[in-house]
Amino acid sequence: MKVAVLDLYEGVQNEGMRCIRELLIQFAEAEQIPLQLNEFDVRRLQKVPDLSYDVYISSGGPGSPVDSAGSAWEAAYFQWLNSVLAWNEAPGKRKKYVFLICHSFQVVCRYFELAQVCRRKSAAFGVFPVHKTTAGMEEPLFNGLPDPFYIVDSRNWQVVQPDEAKLAAMGASILAIEKERPHVPLERATMAIRFNEYMIGTQFHPEADPAGMRKHLLLPARKQRVIADHGAEKYNSMLELLMEADKIPLTHNTLLPNFLQDALQHQREYQYT
């Protein structure tokens, strides 16, 4: 399997890229397949992959998913994305699979005008439940996940007020929405969308590795920052929830592996047709 990871972290230290790398390596070892993994620094170098890859995973990242509109890196990024979409629409070709994570999900929703992308009143940080929609109940990549299922969330922005007409015109469907908060009079954010048969995205981080994330949070400097920003109660709660087997470990071991398994199955079926 040939995989391109589009790095949108702009050189900022993060856990996301490590988690993506390790998950891909674990999948290839479990399936006993050769893996070619290449990374592309999109925001700093305007580097994007060509069309020789089987799978594309586009990462989360810092900053505003709105202010970058019209930037050089977005021009390169959307040229890549449109070329993949065009490839997949052509008959007879082996399809290319795309997974969009957090920041990537937000900029793509904004680009296709599928919803409003706006700043949250306060940052979402921690382990939270998300709820499947009717389409989410039928989503194969969610097989093995309960309703609700738990996710790692870390964002200052959100995708809200989806445009049902534009989603329908694109053949897209909302798969998951934010937890219900009856005491907060705010719309629940859109947390996952299947854009088409071969492209899916989440506003959360399905790659989050519980043990690695916990180790990262226990670093003194990180602990101090999280407590300063979000409070000791949120910090301690996240440490506990990260390790509960039916929460983040289950999401980590289910969602992206299901996506990769789907891509691998398509690859194998194409080879024998």
C-alpha atoms as a PDB file:
ATOM      1  CA  MET A   1       0.000   0.000   0.000  1.00  0.00           C
ATOM      2  CA  LYS A   2       1.337   3.388  -1.012  1.00  0.00           C
ATOM      3  CA  VAL A   3       0.215   6.116   1.438  1.00  0.00           C
ATOM      4  CA  ALA A   4       0.685   9.891   1.326  1.00  0.00           C
ATOM      5  CA  VAL A   5       0.269  11.867   4.544  1.00  0.00           C
ATOM      6  CA  LEU A   6      -0.432  15.549   3.998  1.00  0.00           C
ATOM      7  CA  ASP A   7       1.065  17.361   7.007  1.00  0.00           C
ATOM      8  CA  LEU A   8      -0.902  20.515   7.867  1.00  0.00           C
ATOM      9  CA  TYR A   9       0.816  21.167  11.204  1.00  0.00           C
ATOM     10  CA  GLU A  10       2.992  23.953   9.758  1.00  0.00           C
ATOM     11  CA  GLY A  11       6.035  22.797  11.751  1.00  0.00           C
ATOM     12  CA  VAL A  12       4.199  23.023  15.102  1.00  0.00           C
ATOM     13  CA  GLN A  13       5.068  20.225  17.549  1.00  0.00           C
ATOM     14  CA  ASN A  14       2.207  17.741  17.677  1.00  0.00           C
ATOM     15  CA  GLU A  15       1.151  14.196  18.469  1.00  0.00           C
ATOM     16  CA  GLY A  16      -1.012  13.768  15.388  1.00  0.00           C
ATOM     17  CA  MET A  17       1.718  12.923  12.893  1.00  0.00           C
ATOM     18  CA  ARG A  18       3.314  10.402  15.249  1.00  0.00           C
ATOM     19  CA  CYS A  19      -0.051   8.718  15.783  1.00  0.00           C
ATOM     20  CA  ILE A  20      -0.749   8.534  12.038  1.00  0.00           C
ATOM     21  CA  ARG A  21       2.687   7.045  11.291  1.00  0.00           C
ATOM     22  CA  GLU A  22       2.415   4.426  14.036  1.00  0.00           C
ATOM     23  CA  LEU A  23      -1.126   3.451  13.070  1.00  0.00           C
ATOM     24  CA  LEU A  24      -0.115   2.949   9.429  1.00  0.00           C
ATOM     25  CA  ILE A  25       2.911   0.848  10.384  1.00  0.00           C
ATOM     26  CA  GLN A  26       0.805  -1.278  12.753  1.00  0.00           C
ATOM     27  CA  PHE A  27      -1.797  -1.835  10.036  1.00  0.00           C
ATOM     28  CA  ALA A  28       0.796  -2.876   7.451  1.00  0.00           C
ATOM     29  CA  GLU A  29       2.406  -5.287   9.920  1.00  0.00           C
ATOM     30  CA  ALA A  30      -0.958  -6.796  10.896  1.00  0.00           C
ATOM     31  CA  GLU A  31      -1.933  -7.271   7.242  1.00  0.00           C
ATOM     32  CA  GLN A  32       1.593  -8.361   6.277  1.00  0.00           C
ATOM     33  CA  ILE A  33       1.739  -5.959   3.355  1.00  0.00           C
ATOM     34  CA  PRO A  34       4.581  -3.696   2.192  1.00  0.00           C
ATOM     35  CA  LEU A  35       4.003  -0.042   3.040  1.00  0.00           C
ATOM     36  CA  GLN A  36       5.404   3.003   1.268  1.00  0.00           C
ATOM     37  CA  LEU A  37       4.777   6.068   3.419  1.00  0.00           C
ATOM     38  CA  ASN A  38       5.605   9.593   2.255  1.00  0.00           C
ATOM     39  CA  GLU A  39       4.870  12.873   4.044  1.00  0.00           C
ATOM     40  CA  PHE A  40       4.234  16.262   2.464  1.00  0.00           C
ATOM     41  CA  ASP A  41       4.706  19.604   4.255  1.00  0.00           C
ATOM     42  CA  VAL A  42       1.714  21.384   2.765  1.00  0.00           C
ATOM     43  CA  ARG A  43       1.517  24.691   4.647  1.00  0.00           C
ATOM     44  CA  ARG A  44       5.207  25.574   4.871  1.00  0.00           C
ATOM     45  CA  LEU A  45       6.468  24.232   1.542  1.00  0.00           C
ATOM     46  CA  GLN A  46       3.274  23.956  -0.556  1.00  0.00           C
ATOM     47  CA  LYS A  47       4.206  20.314  -1.140  1.00  0.00           C
ATOM     48  CA  VAL A  48       1.411  17.952  -2.185  1.00  0.00           C
ATOM     49  CA  PRO A  49       1.479  14.357  -3.453  1.00  0.00           C
ATOM     50  CA  ASP A  50       0.943  13.222  -7.017  1.00  0.00           C
ATOM     51  CA  LEU A  51      -1.659  10.706  -8.132  1.00  0.00           C
ATOM     52  CA  SER A  52       0.493   7.609  -7.681  1.00  0.00           C
ATOM     53  CA  TYR A  53      -0.762   6.854  -4.151  1.00  0.00           C
ATOM     54  CA  ASP A  54      -3.476   4.449  -3.047  1.00  0.00           C
ATOM     55  CA  VAL A  55      -4.400   6.285   0.160  1.00  0.00           C
ATOM     56  CA  TYR A  56      -4.188   9.929   1.284  1.00  0.00           C
ATOM     57  CA  ILE A  57      -4.492  11.002   4.918  1.00  0.00           C
ATOM     58  CA  SER A  58      -4.635  14.755   5.534  1.00  0.00           C
ATOM     59  CA  SER A  59      -3.798  15.804   9.086  1.00  0.00           C
ATOM     60  CA  GLY A  60      -5.052  18.239  11.655  1.00  0.00           C
ATOM     61  CA  GLY A  61      -3.192  21.457  12.291  1.00  0.00           C
ATOM     62  CA  PRO A  62      -3.044  24.732  14.196  1.00  0.00           C
ATOM     63  CA  GLY A  63      -4.589  28.101  13.480  1.00  0.00           C
ATOM     64  CA  SER A  64      -7.595  29.324  11.575  1.00  0.00           C
ATOM     65  CA  PRO A  65      -9.188  27.169   8.849  1.00  0.00           C
ATOM     66  CA  VAL A  66     -10.759  30.384   7.524  1.00  0.00           C
ATOM     67  CA  ASP A  67      -7.930  32.936   7.347  1.00  0.00           C
ATOM     68  CA  SER A  68      -5.894  30.734   4.983  1.00  0.00           C
ATOM     69  CA  ALA A  69      -8.422  31.201   2.161  1.00  0.00           C
ATOM     70  CA  GLY A  70      -6.578  32.307  -0.972  1.00  0.00           C
ATOM     71  CA  SER A  71      -3.151  31.294   0.348  1.00  0.00           C
ATOM     72  CA  ALA A  72      -0.525  29.590  -1.804  1.00  0.00           C
ATOM     73  CA  TRP A  73      -0.686  26.394   0.211  1.00  0.00           C
ATOM     74  CA  GLU A  74      -4.458  26.160  -0.144  1.00  0.00           C
ATOM     75  CA  ALA A  75      -4.179  26.631  -3.911  1.00  0.00           C
ATOM     76  CA  ALA A  76      -1.797  23.665  -4.076  1.00  0.00           C
ATOM     77  CA  TYR A  77      -3.897  21.654  -1.634  1.00  0.00           C
ATOM     78  CA  PHE A  78      -7.185  22.086  -3.474  1.00  0.00           C
ATOM     79  CA  GLN A  79      -5.536  21.443  -6.826  1.00  0.00           C
ATOM     80  CA  TRP A  80      -4.407  18.104  -5.367  1.00  0.00           C
ATOM     81  CA  LEU A  81      -7.849  17.369  -3.917  1.00  0.00           C
ATOM     82  CA  ASN A  82      -9.696  18.199  -7.129  1.00  0.00           C
ATOM     83  CA  SER A  83      -7.302  16.010  -9.119  1.00  0.00           C
ATOM     84  CA  VAL A  84      -8.084  13.069  -6.805  1.00  0.00           C
ATOM     85  CA  LEU A  85     -11.834  13.700  -7.106  1.00  0.00           C
ATOM     86  CA  ALA A  86     -11.539  13.840 -10.900  1.00  0.00           C
ATOM     87  CA  TRP A  87      -9.512  10.614 -10.922  1.00  0.00           C
ATOM     88  CA  ASN A  88     -12.137   8.811  -8.858  1.00  0.00           C
ATOM     89  CA  GLU A  89     -14.943   9.990 -11.113  1.00  0.00           C
ATOM     90  CA  ALA A  90     -13.259   8.506 -14.201  1.00  0.00           C
ATOM     91  CA  PRO A  91     -14.530   4.988 -15.013  1.00  0.00           C
ATOM     92  CA  GLY A  92     -12.280   1.953 -14.932  1.00  0.00           C
ATOM     93  CA  LYS A  93      -9.590   3.334 -12.634  1.00  0.00           C
ATOM     94  CA  ARG A  94      -8.587   1.948  -9.249  1.00  0.00           C
ATOM     95  CA  LYS A  95      -9.986   4.432  -6.767  1.00  0.00           C
ATOM     96  CA  LYS A  96      -7.934   6.506  -4.361  1.00  0.00           C
ATOM     97  CA  TYR A  97      -9.041   6.772  -0.737  1.00  0.00           C
ATOM     98  CA  VAL A  98      -8.931  10.039   1.226  1.00  0.00           C
ATOM     99  CA  PHE A  99      -9.289  10.656   4.975  1.00  0.00           C
ATOM    100  CA  LEU A 100      -9.478  14.240   6.279  1.00  0.00           C
ATOM    101  CA  ILE A 101      -8.707  14.984   9.949  1.00  0.00           C
ATOM    102  CA  CYS A 102      -9.808  18.071  11.924  1.00  0.00           C
ATOM    103  CA  HIS A 103      -8.144  21.101  10.264  1.00  0.00           C
ATOM    104  CA  SER A 104      -8.251  19.377   6.864  1.00  0.00           C
ATOM    105  CA  PHE A 105     -11.918  18.544   7.409  1.00  0.00           C
ATOM    106  CA  GLN A 106     -12.685  22.165   8.294  1.00  0.00           C
ATOM    107  CA  VAL A 107     -10.929  23.749   5.285  1.00  0.00           C
ATOM    108  CA  VAL A 108     -12.563  21.270   2.899  1.00  0.00           C
ATOM    109  CA  CYS A 109     -16.033  21.969   4.339  1.00  0.00           C
ATOM    110  CA  ARG A 110     -15.357  25.683   3.878  1.00  0.00           C
ATOM    111  CA  TYR A 111     -13.986  25.224   0.343  1.00  0.00           C
ATOM    112  CA  PHE A 112     -17.044  23.293  -0.856  1.00  0.00           C
ATOM    113  CA  GLU A 113     -19.374  25.583   1.140  1.00  0.00           C
ATOM    114  CA  LEU A 114     -20.958  22.585   2.834  1.00  0.00           C
ATOM    115  CA  ALA A 115     -21.379  24.360   6.190  1.00  0.00           C
ATOM    116  CA  GLN A 116     -20.343  27.362   8.237  1.00  0.00           C
ATOM    117  CA  VAL A 117     -16.848  27.198   9.709  1.00  0.00           C
ATOM    118  CA  CYS A 118     -16.507  29.511  12.686  1.00  0.00           C
ATOM    119  CA  ARG A 119     -14.610  29.984  15.935  1.00  0.00           C
ATOM    120  CA  ARG A 120     -15.977  28.298  19.031  1.00  0.00           C
ATOM    121  CA  LYS A 121     -16.874  30.362  22.102  1.00  0.00           C
ATOM    122  CA  SER A 122     -14.348  28.252  24.006  1.00  0.00           C
ATOM    123  CA  ALA A 123     -11.837  25.630  22.946  1.00  0.00           C
ATOM    124  CA  ALA A 124     -12.970  22.007  22.813  1.00  0.00           C
ATOM    125  CA  PHE A 125     -10.315  19.908  24.487  1.00  0.00           C
ATOM    126  CA  GLY A 126     -10.656  16.476  25.991  1.00  0.00           C
ATOM    127  CA  VAL A 127     -12.432  13.162  25.527  1.00  0.00           C
ATOM    128  CA  PHE A 128     -16.073  13.494  24.487  1.00  0.00           C
ATOM    129  CA  PRO A 129     -18.938  11.358  23.191  1.00  0.00           C
ATOM    130  CA  VAL A 130     -20.204  11.936  19.656  1.00  0.00           C
ATOM    131  CA  HIS A 131     -23.495  10.649  18.312  1.00  0.00           C
ATOM    132  CA  LYS A 132     -24.122   8.806  15.074  1.00  0.00           C
ATOM    133  CA  THR A 133     -26.711  10.157  12.668  1.00  0.00           C
ATOM    134  CA  THR A 134     -29.028   7.863  10.702  1.00  0.00           C
ATOM    135  CA  ALA A 135     -26.370   7.723   7.959  1.00  0.00           C
ATOM    136  CA  GLY A 136     -23.730   7.106  10.619  1.00  0.00           C
ATOM    137  CA  MET A 137     -25.632   4.041  11.817  1.00  0.00           C
ATOM    138  CA  GLU A 138     -25.187   2.574   8.324  1.00  0.00           C
ATOM    139  CA  GLU A 139     -21.565   3.721   7.886  1.00  0.00           C
ATOM    140  CA  PRO A 140     -19.255   0.695   7.433  1.00  0.00           C
ATOM    141  CA  LEU A 141     -16.246   2.522   8.901  1.00  0.00           C
ATOM    142  CA  PHE A 142     -18.194   2.933  12.153  1.00  0.00           C
ATOM    143  CA  ASN A 143     -18.715  -0.821  12.454  1.00  0.00           C
ATOM    144  CA  GLY A 144     -17.606  -1.857  15.931  1.00  0.00           C
ATOM    145  CA  LEU A 145     -18.279   1.559  17.473  1.00  0.00           C
ATOM    146  CA  PRO A 146     -21.237   2.071  19.831  1.00  0.00           C
ATOM    147  CA  ASP A 147     -23.584   5.053  19.796  1.00  0.00           C
ATOM    148  CA  PRO A 148     -22.364   7.307  21.178  1.00  0.00           C
ATOM    149  CA  PHE A 149     -18.657   6.594  20.762  1.00  0.00           C
ATOM    150  CA  TYR A 150     -15.805   8.534  22.318  1.00  0.00           C
ATOM    151  CA  ILE A 151     -13.292  10.761  20.564  1.00  0.00           C
ATOM    152  CA  VAL A 152     -10.294  12.998  21.293  1.00  0.00           C
ATOM    153  CA  ASP A 153     -11.219  16.594  20.526  1.00  0.00           C
ATOM    154  CA  SER A 154      -8.814  19.530  20.325  1.00  0.00           C
ATOM    155  CA  ARG A 155     -10.058  22.555  18.388  1.00  0.00           C
ATOM    156  CA  ASN A 156     -10.931  26.224  18.557  1.00  0.00           C
ATOM    157  CA  TRP A 157     -13.078  26.105  15.410  1.00  0.00           C
ATOM    158  CA  GLN A 158     -16.167  24.189  14.379  1.00  0.00           C
ATOM    159  CA  VAL A 159     -18.278  23.121  11.417  1.00  0.00           C
ATOM    160  CA  VAL A 160     -21.933  24.063  11.982  1.00  0.00           C
ATOM    161  CA  GLN A 161     -25.119  24.869  10.035  1.00  0.00           C
ATOM    162  CA  PRO A 162     -24.613  22.294   7.274  1.00  0.00           C
ATOM    163  CA  ASP A 163     -26.129  23.107   3.886  1.00  0.00           C
ATOM    164  CA  GLU A 164     -28.305  20.081   3.201  1.00  0.00           C
ATOM    165  CA  ALA A 165     -28.817  20.961  -0.461  1.00  0.00           C
ATOM    166  CA  LYS A 166     -25.085  21.232  -1.191  1.00  0.00           C
ATOM    167  CA  LEU A 167     -24.355  18.059   0.749  1.00  0.00           C
ATOM    168  CA  ALA A 168     -26.992  16.200  -1.278  1.00  0.00           C
ATOM    169  CA  ALA A 169     -25.704  17.626  -4.570  1.00  0.00           C
ATOM    170  CA  MET A 170     -22.212  16.360  -3.724  1.00  0.00           C
ATOM    171  CA  GLY A 171     -23.539  12.977  -2.623  1.00  0.00           C
ATOM    172  CA  ALA A 172     -22.305  13.665   0.903  1.00  0.00           C
ATOM    173  CA  SER A 173     -23.888  12.709   4.215  1.00  0.00           C
ATOM    174  CA  ILE A 174     -23.328  13.710   7.842  1.00  0.00           C
ATOM    175  CA  LEU A 175     -22.253  10.728   9.936  1.00  0.00           C
ATOM    176  CA  ALA A 176     -21.810  12.112  13.453  1.00  0.00           C
ATOM    177  CA  ILE A 177     -22.654  15.188  15.497  1.00  0.00           C
ATOM    178  CA  GLU A 178     -21.439  16.726  18.717  1.00  0.00           C
ATOM    179  CA  LYS A 179     -22.698  15.546  22.085  1.00  0.00           C
ATOM    180  CA  GLU A 180     -25.982  17.038  23.194  1.00  0.00           C
ATOM    181  CA  ARG A 181     -25.646  19.803  25.780  1.00  0.00           C
ATOM    182  CA  PRO A 182     -29.182  20.754  26.914  1.00  0.00           C
ATOM    183  CA  HIS A 183     -27.844  23.493  29.206  1.00  0.00           C
ATOM    184  CA  VAL A 184     -25.958  25.221  26.358  1.00  0.00           C
ATOM    185  CA  PRO A 185     -28.117  27.000  23.739  1.00  0.00           C
ATOM    186  CA  LEU A 186     -25.666  26.345  20.875  1.00  0.00           C
ATOM    187  CA  GLU A 187     -25.960  24.261  17.732  1.00  0.00           C
ATOM    188  CA  ARG A 188     -24.242  20.887  17.820  1.00  0.00           C
ATOM    189  CA  ALA A 189     -21.221  20.746  15.528  1.00  0.00           C
ATOM    190  CA  THR A 190     -20.945  18.380  12.575  1.00  0.00           C
ATOM    191  CA  MET A 191     -18.272  15.863  13.594  1.00  0.00           C
ATOM    192  CA  ALA A 192     -17.978  13.525  10.580  1.00  0.00           C
ATOM    193  CA  ILE A 193     -18.983  13.581   6.913  1.00  0.00           C
ATOM    194  CA  ARG A 194     -18.764  11.016   4.158  1.00  0.00           C
ATOM    195  CA  PHE A 195     -18.098  13.243   1.149  1.00  0.00           C
ATOM    196  CA  ASN A 196     -18.337  10.419  -1.382  1.00  0.00           C
ATOM    197  CA  GLU A 197     -17.687   6.693  -1.638  1.00  0.00           C
ATOM    198  CA  TYR A 198     -13.937   7.161  -1.342  1.00  0.00           C
ATOM    199  CA  MET A 199     -13.534  10.255   0.859  1.00  0.00           C
ATOM    200  CA  ILE A 200     -14.458  10.700   4.506  1.00  0.00           C
ATOM    201  CA  GLY A 201     -13.531  13.254   7.164  1.00  0.00           C
ATOM    202  CA  THR A 202     -13.815  13.830  10.895  1.00  0.00           C
ATOM    203  CA  GLN A 203     -13.584  16.991  12.963  1.00  0.00           C
ATOM    204  CA  PHE A 204     -11.995  14.930  15.732  1.00  0.00           C
ATOM    205  CA  HIS A 205      -8.754  12.922  15.908  1.00  0.00           C
ATOM    206  CA  PRO A 206      -9.380   9.210  15.222  1.00  0.00           C
ATOM    207  CA  GLU A 207      -5.623   8.625  15.108  1.00  0.00           C
ATOM    208  CA  ALA A 208      -5.185   9.546  18.791  1.00  0.00           C
ATOM    209  CA  ASP A 209      -3.149   6.806  20.468  1.00  0.00           C
ATOM    210  CA  PRO A 210      -4.211   6.431  24.130  1.00  0.00           C
ATOM    211  CA  ALA A 211      -0.878   5.336  25.612  1.00  0.00           C
ATOM    212  CA  GLY A 212       1.118   7.867  23.627  1.00  0.00           C
ATOM    213  CA  MET A 213      -1.328  10.675  24.350  1.00  0.00           C
ATOM    214  CA  ARG A 214      -1.250   9.861  28.066  1.00  0.00           C
ATOM    215  CA  LYS A 215       2.552   9.883  28.076  1.00  0.00           C
ATOM    216  CA  HIS A 216       2.488  13.242  26.300  1.00  0.00           C
ATOM    217  CA  LEU A 217      -0.004  14.711  28.781  1.00  0.00           C
ATOM    218  CA  LEU A 218       2.131  13.574  31.725  1.00  0.00           C
ATOM    219  CA  LEU A 219       5.101  15.675  30.574  1.00  0.00           C
ATOM    220  CA  PRO A 220       5.471  18.446  33.188  1.00  0.00           C
ATOM    221  CA  ALA A 221       5.359  21.338  30.703  1.00  0.00           C
ATOM    222  CA  ARG A 222       2.318  19.914  28.890  1.00  0.00           C
ATOM    223  CA  LYS A 223       0.525  19.143  32.159  1.00  0.00           C
ATOM    224  CA  GLN A 224       1.082  22.689  33.371  1.00  0.00           C
ATOM    225  CA  ARG A 225      -0.224  24.178  30.133  1.00  0.00           C
ATOM    226  CA  VAL A 226      -3.346  21.983  29.973  1.00  0.00           C
ATOM    227  CA  ILE A 227      -4.249  22.729  33.596  1.00  0.00           C
ATOM    228  CA  ALA A 228      -3.685  26.448  33.016  1.00  0.00           C
ATOM    229  CA  ASP A 229      -5.908  26.421  29.908  1.00  0.00           C
ATOM    230  CA  HIS A 230      -8.603  23.929  30.891  1.00  0.00           C
ATOM    231  CA  GLY A 231      -8.349  23.233  34.635  1.00  0.00           C
ATOM    232  CA  ALA A 232      -7.182  20.303  36.748  1.00  0.00           C
ATOM    233  CA  GLU A 233     -10.569  18.539  36.588  1.00  0.00           C
ATOM    234  CA  LYS A 234     -10.523  18.377  32.768  1.00  0.00           C
ATOM    235  CA  TYR A 235      -6.880  17.244  32.819  1.00  0.00           C
ATOM    236  CA  ASN A 236      -7.504  14.386  35.258  1.00  0.00           C
ATOM    237  CA  SER A 237     -10.694  13.348  33.473  1.00  0.00           C
ATOM    238  CA  MET A 238      -8.886  13.116  30.140  1.00  0.00           C
ATOM    239  CA  LEU A 239      -6.130  10.944  31.630  1.00  0.00           C
ATOM    240  CA  GLU A 240      -8.749   8.525  32.952  1.00  0.00           C
ATOM    241  CA  LEU A 241     -10.943   8.411  29.853  1.00  0.00           C
ATOM    242  CA  LEU A 242      -7.975   7.894  27.525  1.00  0.00           C
ATOM    243  CA  MET A 243      -7.302   4.471  28.987  1.00  0.00           C
ATOM    244  CA  GLU A 244     -10.853   3.104  29.324  1.00  0.00           C
ATOM    245  CA  ALA A 245     -10.998   0.226  26.835  1.00  0.00           C
ATOM    246  CA  ASP A 246     -14.458   1.076  25.472  1.00  0.00           C
ATOM    247  CA  LYS A 247     -13.604   4.699  24.701  1.00  0.00           C
ATOM    248  CA  ILE A 248     -10.494   6.091  22.945  1.00  0.00           C
ATOM    249  CA  PRO A 249      -8.700   2.729  22.547  1.00  0.00           C
ATOM    250  CA  LEU A 250     -11.780   1.390  20.755  1.00  0.00           C
ATOM    251  CA  THR A 251     -12.044   4.410  18.422  1.00  0.00           C
ATOM    252  CA  HIS A 252      -8.288   4.301  17.691  1.00  0.00           C
ATOM    253  CA  ASN A 253      -8.446   0.585  16.885  1.00  0.00           C
ATOM    254  CA  THR A 254     -11.594   0.827  14.766  1.00  0.00           C
ATOM    255  CA  LEU A 255     -12.110   3.910  12.605  1.00  0.00           C
ATOM    256  CA  LEU A 256      -8.867   4.444  10.666  1.00  0.00           C
ATOM    257  CA  PRO A 257      -8.122   0.694  10.534  1.00  0.00           C
ATOM    258  CA  ASN A 258     -11.577   0.165   8.977  1.00  0.00           C
ATOM    259  CA  PHE A 259     -10.781   2.901   6.449  1.00  0.00           C
ATOM    260  CA  LEU A 260      -7.438   1.316   5.568  1.00  0.00           C
ATOM    261  CA  GLN A 261      -9.026  -2.135   5.368  1.00  0.00           C
ATOM    262  CA  ASP A 262     -11.629  -0.766   2.956  1.00  0.00           C
ATOM    263  CA  ALA A 263      -8.904   0.731   0.760  1.00  0.00           C
ATOM    264  CA  LEU A 264      -6.879  -2.492   0.857  1.00  0.00           C
ATOM    265  CA  GLN A 265      -9.913  -4.588  -0.028  1.00  0.00           C
ATOM    266  CA  HIS A 266     -10.626  -2.343  -3.036  1.00  0.00           C
ATOM    267  CA  GLN A 267      -6.986  -2.611  -4.086  1.00  0.00           C
ATOM    268  CA  ARG A 268      -7.102  -6.411  -3.950  1.00  0.00           C
ATOM    269  CA  GLU A 269     -10.430  -6.669  -5.761  1.00  0.00           C
ATOM    270  CA  TYR A 270      -9.176  -4.390  -8.536  1.00  0.00           C
ATOM    271  CA  GLN A 271      -6.076  -6.532  -9.008  1.00  0.00           C
ATOM    272  CA  TYR A 272      -8.180  -9.632  -9.642  1.00  0.00           C
ATOM    273  CA  THR A 273     -10.687  -8.106 -12.058  1.00  0.00           C
END
